[in-house]
PDB file of N, CA and C in Angstrom:
ATOM      1  N   MET A   1     -11.039  32.046 -90.880  1.00  0.00           N
ATOM      2  CA  MET A   1     -10.115  32.734 -91.709  1.00  0.00           C
ATOM      3  C   MET A   1     -10.637  33.750 -92.728  1.00  0.00           C
ATOM      4  N   ALA A   2     -11.386  32.831 -93.434  1.00  0.00           N
ATOM      5  CA  ALA A   2     -12.430  33.656 -94.723  1.00  0.00           C
ATOM      6  C   ALA A   2     -13.282  34.803 -94.257  1.00  0.00           C
ATOM      7  N   ASP A   3     -13.279  34.590 -93.112  1.00  0.00           N
ATOM      8  CA  ASP A   3     -14.468  35.775 -92.622  1.00  0.00           C
ATOM      9  C   ASP A   3     -13.257  37.301 -92.248  1.00  0.00           C
ATOM     10  N   ALA A   4     -12.370  36.783 -91.928  1.00  0.00           N
ATOM     11  CA  ALA A   4     -11.668  37.666 -91.626  1.00  0.00           C
ATOM     12  C   ALA A   4     -10.584  38.694 -92.539  1.00  0.00           C
ATOM     13  N   ASN A   5     -10.894  37.679 -93.108  1.00  0.00           N
ATOM     14  CA  ASN A   5      -9.915  38.033 -94.274  1.00  0.00           C
ATOM     15  C   ASN A   5     -10.979  39.359 -95.456  1.00  0.00           C
ATOM     16  N   GLU A   6     -12.278  38.595 -95.644  1.00  0.00           N
ATOM     17  CA  GLU A   6     -13.679  39.774 -96.061  1.00  0.00           C
ATOM     18  C   GLU A   6     -14.179  40.174 -95.011  1.00  0.00           C
ATOM     19  N   GLN A   7     -14.075  40.700 -93.762  1.00  0.00           N
ATOM     20  CA  GLN A   7     -14.120  42.047 -93.128  1.00  0.00           C
ATOM     21  C   GLN A   7     -13.052  42.671 -93.775  1.00  0.00           C
ATOM     22  N   GLN A   8     -11.394  42.507 -93.535  1.00  0.00           N
ATOM     23  CA  GLN A   8     -10.643  43.344 -93.628  1.00  0.00           C
ATOM     24  C   GLN A   8     -10.717  44.094 -95.039  1.00  0.00           C
ATOM     25  N   ARG A   9     -11.063  43.489 -96.328  1.00  0.00           N
ATOM     26  CA  ARG A   9     -11.673  43.509 -97.607  1.00  0.00           C
ATOM     27  C   ARG A   9     -13.152  44.800 -97.935  1.00  0.00           C
ATOM     28  N   ARG A  10     -13.698  44.397 -96.626  1.00  0.00           N
ATOM     29  CA  ARG A  10     -14.912  45.731 -97.120  1.00  0.00           C
ATOM     30  C   ARG A  10     -14.688  46.601 -96.105  1.00  0.00           C
ATOM     31  N   TYR A  11     -13.314  46.480 -94.972  1.00  0.00           N
ATOM     32  CA  TYR A  11     -12.998  47.700 -94.749  1.00  0.00           C
ATOM     33  C   TYR A  11     -11.764  48.477 -95.512  1.00  0.00           C
ATOM     34  N   ARG A  12     -11.308  47.941 -96.076  1.00  0.00           N
ATOM     35  CA  ARG A  12     -10.108  48.845 -96.863  1.00  0.00           C
ATOM     36  C   ARG A  12     -11.120  49.598 -98.306  1.00  0.00           C
ATOM     37  N   GLU A  13     -12.478  48.910 -98.738  1.00  0.00           N
ATOM     38  CA  GLU A  13     -13.719  48.992 -99.572  1.00  0.00           C
ATOM     39  C   GLU A  13     -14.051  50.708 -99.123  1.00  0.00           C
ATOM     40  N   PHE A  14     -14.559  50.230 -98.135  1.00  0.00           N
ATOM     41  CA  PHE A  14     -14.518  51.499 -97.470  1.00  0.00           C
ATOM     42  C   PHE A  14     -13.632  53.082 -97.129  1.00  0.00           C
ATOM     43  N   LEU A  15     -12.559  52.527 -97.066  1.00  0.00           N
ATOM     44  CA  LEU A  15     -11.611  53.424 -96.876  1.00  0.00           C
ATOM     45  C   LEU A  15     -10.999  54.360 -98.013  1.00  0.00           C
ATOM     46  N   ASP A  16     -11.198  52.920 -98.810  1.00  0.00           N
ATOM     47  CA  ASP A  16     -10.989  53.503-100.177  1.00  0.00           C
ATOM     48  C   ASP A  16     -12.199  54.944-101.046  1.00  0.00           C
ATOM     49  N   LEU A  17     -13.257  54.247-100.459  1.00  0.00           N
ATOM     50  CA  LEU A  17     -14.980  55.014-101.236  1.00  0.00           C
ATOM     51  C   LEU A  17     -15.043  56.262 -99.961  1.00  0.00           C
ATOM     52  N   LEU A  18     -14.248  56.240 -99.357  1.00  0.00           N
ATOM     53  CA  LEU A  18     -14.399  57.509 -98.109  1.00  0.00           C
ATOM     54  C   LEU A  18     -14.512  59.248 -98.666  1.00  0.00           C
ATOM     55  N   PRO A  19     -12.950  59.496 -99.232  1.00  0.00           N
ATOM     56  CA  PRO A  19     -13.199  60.445 -99.910  1.00  0.00           C
ATOM     57  C   PRO A  19     -14.408  60.528-100.650  1.00  0.00           C
ATOM     58  N   LEU A  20     -13.910  59.916-101.689  1.00  0.00           N
ATOM     59  CA  LEU A  20     -15.706  60.676-102.546  1.00  0.00           C
ATOM     60  C   LEU A  20     -17.468  60.456-102.030  1.00  0.00           C
ATOM     61  N   THR A  21     -17.479  59.366-100.563  1.00  0.00           N
ATOM     62  CA  THR A  21     -18.138  59.490 -99.512  1.00  0.00           C
ATOM     63  C   THR A  21     -18.485  60.642 -99.327  1.00  0.00           C
ATOM     64  N   ILE A  22     -17.491  61.693 -98.703  1.00  0.00           N
ATOM     65  CA  ILE A  22     -17.711  62.173 -98.441  1.00  0.00           C
ATOM     66  C   ILE A  22     -18.188  63.668 -98.895  1.00  0.00           C
ATOM     67  N   SER A  23     -17.438  63.348-100.360  1.00  0.00           N
ATOM     68  CA  SER A  23     -17.777  64.676-101.606  1.00  0.00           C
ATOM     69  C   SER A  23     -19.208  64.742-102.265  1.00  0.00           C
ATOM     70  N   LEU A  24     -19.887  63.536-101.708  1.00  0.00           N
ATOM     71  CA  LEU A  24     -21.505  62.757-102.670  1.00  0.00           C
ATOM     72  C   LEU A  24     -22.007  63.858-101.122  1.00  0.00           C
ATOM     73  N   ALA A  25     -21.815  63.387-100.592  1.00  0.00           N
ATOM     74  CA  ALA A  25     -22.844  64.089 -99.437  1.00  0.00           C
ATOM     75  C   ALA A  25     -23.294  65.259 -98.352  1.00  0.00           C
ATOM     76  N   GLY A  26     -22.027  65.926 -99.392  1.00  0.00           N
ATOM     77  CA  GLY A  26     -22.206  67.226 -98.700  1.00  0.00           C
ATOM     78  C   GLY A  26     -22.346  68.429 -97.868  1.00  0.00           C
ATOM     79  N   LEU A  27     -21.624  67.805 -97.159  1.00  0.00           N
ATOM     80  CA  LEU A  27     -22.079  67.592 -95.779  1.00  0.00           C
ATOM     81  C   LEU A  27     -21.060  68.913 -95.052  1.00  0.00           C
ATOM     82  N   PRO A  28     -21.133  70.013 -94.513  1.00  0.00           N
ATOM     83  CA  PRO A  28     -19.918  70.846 -94.140  1.00  0.00           C
ATOM     84  C   PRO A  28     -19.390  70.226 -92.461  1.00  0.00           C
ATOM     85  N   PRO A  29     -17.875  70.939 -92.523  1.00  0.00           N
ATOM     86  CA  PRO A  29     -17.826  70.482 -90.709  1.00  0.00           C
ATOM     87  C   PRO A  29     -18.615  71.444 -89.847  1.00  0.00           C
ATOM     88  N   SER A  30     -18.141  70.816 -88.781  1.00  0.00           N
ATOM     89  CA  SER A  30     -19.008  71.433 -88.195  1.00  0.00           C
ATOM     90  C   SER A  30     -17.979  72.481 -87.721  1.00  0.00           C
ATOM     91  N   GLU A  31     -18.513  73.544 -87.069  1.00  0.00           N
ATOM     92  CA  GLU A  31     -17.414  74.404 -86.173  1.00  0.00           C
ATOM     93  C   GLU A  31     -16.507  74.200 -85.002  1.00  0.00           C
ATOM     94  N   HIS A  32     -15.963  74.931 -84.858  1.00  0.00           N
ATOM     95  CA  HIS A  32     -15.422  74.455 -83.170  1.00  0.00           C
ATOM     96  C   HIS A  32     -15.693  74.651 -82.612  1.00  0.00           C
ATOM     97  N   GLY A  33     -15.341  73.969 -81.810  1.00  0.00           N
ATOM     98  CA  GLY A  33     -16.802  74.017 -80.535  1.00  0.00           C
ATOM     99  C   GLY A  33     -17.988  73.723 -80.240  1.00  0.00           C
ATOM    100  N   LYS A  34     -18.836  73.492 -81.825  1.00  0.00           N
ATOM    101  CA  LYS A  34     -19.683  73.704 -81.111  1.00  0.00           C
ATOM    102  C   LYS A  34     -20.255  71.435 -82.067  1.00  0.00           C
ATOM    103  N   TYR A  35     -20.899  71.500 -80.936  1.00  0.00           N
ATOM    104  CA  TYR A  35     -21.348  69.852 -81.183  1.00  0.00           C
ATOM    105  C   TYR A  35     -22.785  70.057 -81.763  1.00  0.00           C
ATOM    106  N   TYR A  36     -22.512  68.556 -82.732  1.00  0.00           N
ATOM    107  CA  TYR A  36     -24.223  68.766 -83.571  1.00  0.00           C
ATOM    108  C   TYR A  36     -25.412  67.729 -82.255  1.00  0.00           C
ATOM    109  N   SER A  37     -26.866  67.740 -82.831  1.00  0.00           N
ATOM    110  CA  SER A  37     -27.639  67.189 -81.478  1.00  0.00           C
ATOM    111  C   SER A  37     -27.931  66.160 -82.433  1.00  0.00           C
ATOM    112  N   GLU A  38     -28.413  64.670 -81.998  1.00  0.00           N
ATOM    113  CA  GLU A  38     -28.690  63.528 -82.458  1.00  0.00           C
ATOM    114  C   GLU A  38     -29.640  63.438 -83.293  1.00  0.00           C
ATOM    115  N   GLU A  39     -30.523  65.054 -83.443  1.00  0.00           N
ATOM    116  CA  GLU A  39     -31.115  64.679 -85.003  1.00  0.00           C
ATOM    117  C   GLU A  39     -30.306  65.108 -85.651  1.00  0.00           C
ATOM    118  N   GLN A  40     -29.177  66.150 -85.328  1.00  0.00           N
ATOM    119  CA  GLN A  40     -28.451  66.698 -86.393  1.00  0.00           C
ATOM    120  C   GLN A  40     -27.660  65.242 -87.065  1.00  0.00           C
ATOM    121  N   ILE A  41     -26.686  64.139 -85.859  1.00  0.00           N
ATOM    122  CA  ILE A  41     -26.276  63.820 -86.038  1.00  0.00           C
ATOM    123  C   ILE A  41     -26.731  62.641 -86.978  1.00  0.00           C
ATOM    124  N   GLU A  42     -28.066  61.659 -86.658  1.00  0.00           N
ATOM    125  CA  GLU A  42     -28.652  60.866 -87.368  1.00  0.00           C
ATOM    126  C   GLU A  42     -29.228  61.489 -89.191  1.00  0.00           C
ATOM    127  N   THR A  43     -28.846  62.546 -88.997  1.00  0.00           N
ATOM    128  CA  THR A  43     -29.286  63.697 -90.774  1.00  0.00           C
ATOM    129  C   THR A  43     -28.147  63.405 -91.393  1.00  0.00           C
ATOM    130  N   ARG A  44     -27.163  63.507 -90.267  1.00  0.00           N
ATOM    131  CA  ARG A  44     -25.827  63.848 -91.521  1.00  0.00           C
ATOM    132  C   ARG A  44     -25.559  61.845 -91.579  1.00  0.00           C
ATOM    133  N   LEU A  45     -25.584  60.511 -90.783  1.00  0.00           N
ATOM    134  CA  LEU A  45     -25.837  60.259 -90.555  1.00  0.00           C
ATOM    135  C   LEU A  45     -25.921  59.165 -92.622  1.00  0.00           C
ATOM    136  N   PHE A  46     -27.655  59.749 -92.291  1.00  0.00           N
ATOM    137  CA  PHE A  46     -28.429  59.009 -93.824  1.00  0.00           C
ATOM    138  C   PHE A  46     -27.723  59.573 -94.319  1.00  0.00           C
ATOM    139  N   ALA A  47     -27.456  60.882 -94.820  1.00  0.00           N
ATOM    140  CA  ALA A  47     -26.634  61.356 -95.704  1.00  0.00           C
ATOM    141  C   ALA A  47     -25.404  60.675 -96.322  1.00  0.00           C
ATOM    142  N   VAL A  48     -24.692  60.590 -95.180  1.00  0.00           N
ATOM    143  CA  VAL A  48     -23.749  59.478 -95.340  1.00  0.00           C
ATOM    144  C   VAL A  48     -23.737  57.720 -96.161  1.00  0.00           C
ATOM    145  N   ARG A  49     -24.234  57.797 -95.357  1.00  0.00           N
ATOM    146  CA  ARG A  49     -25.445  56.190 -95.528  1.00  0.00           C
ATOM    147  C   ARG A  49     -25.505  56.009 -96.677  1.00  0.00           C
ATOM    148  N   HIS A  50     -25.937  56.972 -97.661  1.00  0.00           N
ATOM    149  CA  HIS A  50     -26.816  56.671 -99.114  1.00  0.00           C
ATOM    150  C   HIS A  50     -25.728  57.158-100.168  1.00  0.00           C
ATOM    151  N   ALA A  51     -25.153  58.444 -99.268  1.00  0.00           N
ATOM    152  CA  ALA A  51     -23.959  58.855-100.219  1.00  0.00           C
ATOM    153  C   ALA A  51     -22.397  57.857-100.811  1.00  0.00           C
ATOM    154  N   TYR A  52     -22.001  56.892 -99.495  1.00  0.00           N
ATOM    155  CA  TYR A  52     -21.835  55.827 -99.729  1.00  0.00           C
ATOM    156  C   TYR A  52     -22.367  54.538-100.468  1.00  0.00           C
ATOM    157  N   LYS A  53     -23.450  54.712-100.620  1.00  0.00           N
ATOM    158  CA  LYS A  53     -24.200  53.182-101.513  1.00  0.00           C
ATOM    159  C   LYS A  53     -23.650  54.318-102.922  1.00  0.00           C
ATOM    160  N   ALA A  54     -23.759  55.182-102.990  1.00  0.00           N
ATOM    161  CA  ALA A  54     -24.133  55.953-104.360  1.00  0.00           C
ATOM    162  C   ALA A  54     -22.907  56.024-105.386  1.00  0.00           C
ATOM    163  N   ALA A  55     -21.358  56.234-104.242  1.00  0.00           N
ATOM    164  CA  ALA A  55     -20.453  56.059-104.034  1.00  0.00           C
ATOM    165  C   ALA A  55     -19.822  54.970-105.098  1.00  0.00           C
ATOM    166  N   ARG A  56     -20.019  53.297-103.932  1.00  0.00           N
ATOM    167  CA  ARG A  56     -20.568  52.015-104.707  1.00  0.00           C
ATOM    168  C   ARG A  56     -20.498  51.548-105.754  1.00  0.00           C
ATOM    169  N   GLY A  57     -21.623  52.380-105.934  1.00  0.00           N
ATOM    170  CA  GLY A  57     -22.280  51.780-107.088  1.00  0.00           C
ATOM    171  C   GLY A  57     -22.047  53.024-108.517  1.00  0.00           C
ATOM    172  N   LEU A  58     -21.283  54.126-107.994  1.00  0.00           N
ATOM    173  CA  LEU A  58     -20.601  54.509-108.956  1.00  0.00           C
ATOM    174  C   LEU A  58     -19.453  53.618-109.992  1.00  0.00           C
ATOM    175  N   VAL A  59     -18.574  53.190-108.730  1.00  0.00           N
ATOM    176  CA  VAL A  59     -17.639  52.699-108.492  1.00  0.00           C
ATOM    177  C   VAL A  59     -17.169  51.396-109.391  1.00  0.00           C
ATOM    178  N   ARG A  60     -18.399  50.496-108.966  1.00  0.00           N
ATOM    179  CA  ARG A  60     -18.271  49.393-108.993  1.00  0.00           C
ATOM    180  C   ARG A  60     -18.729  49.028-110.354  1.00  0.00           C
ATOM    181  N   GLU A  61     -20.026  50.644-111.123  1.00  0.00           N
ATOM    182  CA  GLU A  61     -20.128  50.649-112.978  1.00  0.00           C
ATOM    183  C   GLU A  61     -19.210  50.863-113.375  1.00  0.00           C
ATOM    184  N   LEU A  62     -18.536  51.955-113.183  1.00  0.00           N
ATOM    185  CA  LEU A  62     -16.907  52.159-113.728  1.00  0.00           C
ATOM    186  C   LEU A  62     -15.678  51.220-114.074  1.00  0.00           C
ATOM    187  N   ILE A  63     -16.191  49.963-113.021  1.00  0.00           N
ATOM    188  CA  ILE A  63     -14.901  49.187-113.439  1.00  0.00           C
ATOM    189  C   ILE A  63     -15.387  47.793-114.695  1.00  0.00           C
ATOM    190  N   SER A  64     -16.859  47.944-114.155  1.00  0.00           N
ATOM    191  CA  SER A  64     -17.352  47.009-114.941  1.00  0.00           C
ATOM    192  C   SER A  64     -17.396  47.212-116.327  1.00  0.00           C
ATOM    193  N   LYS A  65     -17.449  48.595-117.071  1.00  0.00           N
ATOM    194  CA  LYS A  65     -17.307  49.273-118.339  1.00  0.00           C
ATOM    195  C   LYS A  65     -15.880  48.722-119.370  1.00  0.00           C
TER     196      LYS A  65
END
């Protein structure tokens, strides 16, 4: 039960940080009907991962003050 609660908490944290993460990543939306290549997707994933880490760190820093 503890694992399920922890997973739910982490999922909620991710959803709460998603708007800030997307903003920090600075990625433009795709054009209608145009798809990204595998390389472009990997590049965008890299940006989102690092933006999420930055957003999480920023929020934790602000909360702890």
